[in-house]
Amino acid sequence: MSGLELFAAALGVIAVWLTVKQNPWCWPIGLVMVLLYSWIFFEVKLYSDMLLQVIYAVLQLYGWWQWTRAGQHHDGRQVTRLGGPSVLLGLAIGAAGSLMLGAAMAHWTDAAQPWLDAALTGFSLVAQWWMAQKRVQCWPLWIALDVIFVGLFVYKDLHLTAALYALFTLLAIQGWREWRADPALRA
């Protein structure tokens, strides 16, 4: 465990807690966190996770805009629910991306866990996209992904990061509860 990992983990907790509370400051704090984690994952040869963090950086900016400027009156998005076909399409895109990235990582890199890392990356991008758009379905997907991430990070001896993702799992459960109770979703 490094000081950098500790600082990134602390920022991660703050960012996810702010997300649960629908506070748009989750996005700039998350941006700093993902940039730090991109370096951490590079050092332990989790290249798909490193790439994921770089893409997250772009999605952090997109999410910040969506939460603060999108909508008819430019006052940000409200919590909404995706329809079944949209959920299936998102999951299919995640699966296709996972297979392509896994094949590339297995063939062209010395990645530690190319297929698992790629699958977590592909589906995390779907969850992050849904989160940026305030889709309530982001939370159950995050719960499943975070549980698997915990195992991967324990395997890679990133124990603080594993603990962080265990906490992310609990925060995702809370986020799912709170967003499902949001008055905008029931309207």
Protein backbone atom coordinates (compact mmCIF):
# COMPACT_ATOMS: atom_id res chain seq x y z
CA MET A 1 0.00 0.00 0.00
CA SER A 2 1.35 3.37 -0.98
CA GLY A 3 0.48 6.88 0.08
CA LEU A 4 -0.82 7.43 -3.44
CA GLU A 5 -3.19 4.45 -3.13
CA LEU A 6 -4.38 5.72 0.27
CA PHE A 7 -5.07 9.21 -1.09
CA ALA A 8 -6.84 7.83 -4.19
CA ALA A 9 -8.96 5.53 -2.01
CA ALA A 10 -9.99 8.43 0.26
CA LEU A 11 -11.02 10.47 -2.77
CA GLY A 12 -12.95 7.47 -4.08
CA VAL A 13 -14.99 7.18 -0.90
CA ILE A 14 -15.80 10.88 -0.99
CA ALA A 15 -16.72 10.79 -4.69
CA VAL A 16 -19.04 7.78 -4.41
CA TRP A 17 -20.71 9.12 -1.26
CA LEU A 18 -21.34 12.41 -3.08
CA THR A 19 -22.76 10.43 -6.03
CA VAL A 20 -25.20 8.63 -3.74
CA LYS A 21 -26.29 12.04 -2.46
CA GLN A 22 -26.59 13.35 -6.05
CA ASN A 23 -24.05 16.08 -5.36
CA PRO A 24 -22.34 17.18 -8.61
CA TRP A 25 -19.02 17.65 -6.79
CA CYS A 26 -18.69 13.87 -7.09
CA TRP A 27 -17.44 14.41 -10.63
CA PRO A 28 -14.36 16.67 -10.14
CA ILE A 29 -13.31 14.72 -7.05
CA GLY A 30 -13.78 11.51 -9.01
CA LEU A 31 -11.67 12.93 -11.82
CA VAL A 32 -8.67 13.32 -9.53
CA MET A 33 -9.24 9.83 -8.12
CA VAL A 34 -9.36 8.10 -11.51
CA LEU A 35 -6.23 9.85 -12.73
CA LEU A 36 -4.36 8.63 -9.65
CA TYR A 37 -5.70 5.11 -10.04
CA SER A 38 -4.63 5.01 -13.69
CA TRP A 39 -1.04 5.22 -12.48
CA ILE A 40 -1.56 2.69 -9.68
CA PHE A 41 -3.05 0.13 -12.08
CA PHE A 42 -0.25 0.68 -14.58
CA GLU A 43 2.27 -0.18 -11.87
CA VAL A 44 0.58 -3.53 -11.09
CA LYS A 45 -0.01 -4.41 -14.76
CA LEU A 46 -3.80 -4.19 -14.71
CA TYR A 47 -3.78 -2.48 -18.08
CA SER A 48 -7.49 -2.74 -18.77
CA ASP A 49 -8.19 -1.12 -15.42
CA MET A 50 -5.63 1.56 -16.23
CA LEU A 51 -7.35 2.21 -19.56
CA LEU A 52 -10.69 2.21 -17.77
CA GLN A 53 -9.49 4.97 -15.46
CA VAL A 54 -8.43 7.11 -18.43
CA ILE A 55 -11.85 6.66 -20.02
CA TYR A 56 -13.45 7.38 -16.64
CA ALA A 57 -11.62 10.72 -16.67
CA VAL A 58 -13.51 11.68 -19.83
CA LEU A 59 -16.75 10.31 -18.39
CA GLN A 60 -16.21 12.33 -15.21
CA LEU A 61 -16.32 15.49 -17.32
CA TYR A 62 -19.38 14.21 -19.18
CA GLY A 63 -21.13 13.33 -15.93
CA TRP A 64 -20.36 16.71 -14.42
CA TRP A 65 -21.91 18.39 -17.46
CA GLN A 66 -24.93 16.05 -17.43
CA TRP A 67 -25.62 16.68 -13.75
CA THR A 68 -25.19 20.45 -13.90
CA ARG A 69 -26.08 21.63 -17.42
CA ALA A 70 -28.23 19.02 -19.21
CA GLY A 71 -32.00 19.15 -19.40
CA GLN A 72 -34.53 21.48 -20.89
CA HIS A 73 -33.71 24.30 -18.47
CA HIS A 74 -30.00 23.43 -18.17
CA ASP A 75 -30.49 22.52 -14.52
CA GLY A 76 -29.15 18.96 -14.72
CA ARG A 77 -30.60 15.49 -15.05
CA GLN A 78 -33.16 13.82 -12.83
CA VAL A 79 -33.03 10.17 -11.80
CA THR A 80 -34.71 8.00 -14.43
CA ARG A 81 -35.18 4.31 -15.17
CA LEU A 82 -34.04 2.58 -18.36
CA GLY A 83 -36.47 0.33 -20.23
CA GLY A 84 -35.73 -3.38 -20.61
CA PRO A 85 -34.46 -3.15 -24.22
CA SER A 86 -32.07 -0.33 -23.27
CA VAL A 87 -30.71 -2.36 -20.35
CA LEU A 88 -30.14 -5.36 -22.62
CA LEU A 89 -28.46 -3.19 -25.25
CA GLY A 90 -26.13 -1.68 -22.65
CA LEU A 91 -25.20 -5.11 -21.30
CA ALA A 92 -24.63 -6.44 -24.84
CA ILE A 93 -22.30 -3.52 -25.58
CA GLY A 94 -20.47 -4.23 -22.32
CA ALA A 95 -20.07 -7.89 -23.26
CA ALA A 96 -18.85 -7.12 -26.77
CA GLY A 97 -16.38 -4.55 -25.48
CA SER A 98 -15.17 -7.03 -22.85
CA LEU A 99 -14.49 -9.72 -25.43
CA MET A 100 -12.62 -7.39 -27.78
CA LEU A 101 -10.54 -5.84 -25.00
CA GLY A 102 -9.84 -9.23 -23.40
CA ALA A 103 -8.58 -10.65 -26.69
CA ALA A 104 -6.35 -7.63 -27.24
CA MET A 105 -4.94 -7.72 -23.71
CA ALA A 106 -4.37 -11.50 -23.83
CA HIS A 107 -2.65 -11.31 -27.21
CA TRP A 108 -0.59 -8.10 -27.05
CA THR A 109 0.23 -7.45 -23.38
CA ASP A 110 1.55 -9.13 -20.28
CA ALA A 111 -1.64 -8.24 -18.40
CA ALA A 112 -2.06 -10.13 -15.14
CA GLN A 113 -5.74 -11.06 -15.66
CA PRO A 114 -6.59 -10.04 -19.23
CA TRP A 115 -10.08 -11.55 -19.53
CA LEU A 116 -11.41 -10.74 -16.07
CA ASP A 117 -9.88 -7.29 -16.13
CA ALA A 118 -11.39 -6.64 -19.57
CA ALA A 119 -14.83 -7.85 -18.50
CA LEU A 120 -14.79 -5.60 -15.46
CA THR A 121 -13.70 -2.73 -17.69
CA GLY A 122 -16.38 -3.29 -20.32
CA PHE A 123 -19.24 -3.48 -17.87
CA SER A 124 -17.87 -0.68 -15.68
CA LEU A 125 -18.06 1.63 -18.67
CA VAL A 126 -21.74 0.76 -19.06
CA ALA A 127 -22.36 1.40 -15.36
CA GLN A 128 -20.48 4.70 -15.49
CA TRP A 129 -22.42 5.83 -18.59
CA TRP A 130 -25.70 5.00 -16.87
CA MET A 131 -24.53 6.83 -13.74
CA ALA A 132 -23.64 9.94 -15.71
CA GLN A 133 -27.19 9.88 -17.09
CA LYS A 134 -28.65 9.23 -13.61
CA ARG A 135 -30.14 5.87 -14.57
CA VAL A 136 -31.14 3.94 -11.46
CA GLN A 137 -29.92 0.69 -13.05
CA CYS A 138 -26.32 1.82 -12.65
CA TRP A 139 -26.40 0.78 -8.98
CA PRO A 140 -27.18 -2.97 -9.24
CA LEU A 141 -24.56 -3.24 -11.98
CA TRP A 142 -22.04 -1.43 -9.76
CA ILE A 143 -22.87 -3.78 -6.88
CA ALA A 144 -22.07 -6.86 -8.98
CA LEU A 145 -18.91 -5.34 -10.44
CA ASP A 146 -17.60 -4.06 -7.11
CA VAL A 147 -17.91 -7.50 -5.52
CA ILE A 148 -15.80 -9.01 -8.32
CA PHE A 149 -13.31 -6.13 -8.15
CA VAL A 150 -12.77 -6.89 -4.45
CA GLY A 151 -11.62 -10.40 -5.32
CA LEU A 152 -9.34 -9.20 -8.10
CA PHE A 153 -7.67 -6.59 -5.92
CA VAL A 154 -7.14 -9.07 -3.07
CA TYR A 155 -5.51 -11.39 -5.62
CA LYS A 156 -3.22 -8.53 -6.75
CA ASP A 157 -2.33 -7.60 -3.12
CA LEU A 158 -4.04 -4.22 -3.42
CA HIS A 159 -5.71 -4.69 -0.05
CA LEU A 160 -6.59 -1.05 0.53
CA THR A 161 -8.17 -0.86 -2.91
CA ALA A 162 -10.03 -4.11 -2.20
CA ALA A 163 -11.36 -2.56 1.01
CA LEU A 164 -12.29 0.56 -0.95
CA TYR A 165 -14.30 -1.51 -3.42
CA ALA A 166 -15.98 -3.36 -0.55
CA LEU A 167 -17.01 0.06 0.76
CA PHE A 168 -18.08 1.01 -2.79
CA THR A 169 -20.35 -2.05 -2.71
CA LEU A 170 -22.04 -0.80 0.45
CA LEU A 171 -22.33 2.70 -0.99
CA ALA A 172 -23.81 1.28 -4.20
CA ILE A 173 -26.44 -0.54 -2.16
CA GLN A 174 -27.25 2.75 -0.43
CA GLY A 175 -27.27 4.57 -3.78
CA TRP A 176 -29.70 2.05 -5.21
CA ARG A 177 -32.02 2.51 -2.23
CA GLU A 178 -31.87 6.31 -2.33
CA TRP A 179 -32.21 6.70 -6.08
CA ARG A 180 -35.18 4.31 -6.20
CA ALA A 181 -36.87 6.50 -3.58
CA ASP A 182 -36.09 9.73 -5.47
CA PRO A 183 -39.30 11.73 -6.09
CA ALA A 184 -38.26 12.34 -9.73
CA LEU A 185 -38.26 8.58 -10.35
CA ARG A 186 -41.73 8.15 -8.92
CA ALA A 187 -43.20 11.11 -10.83
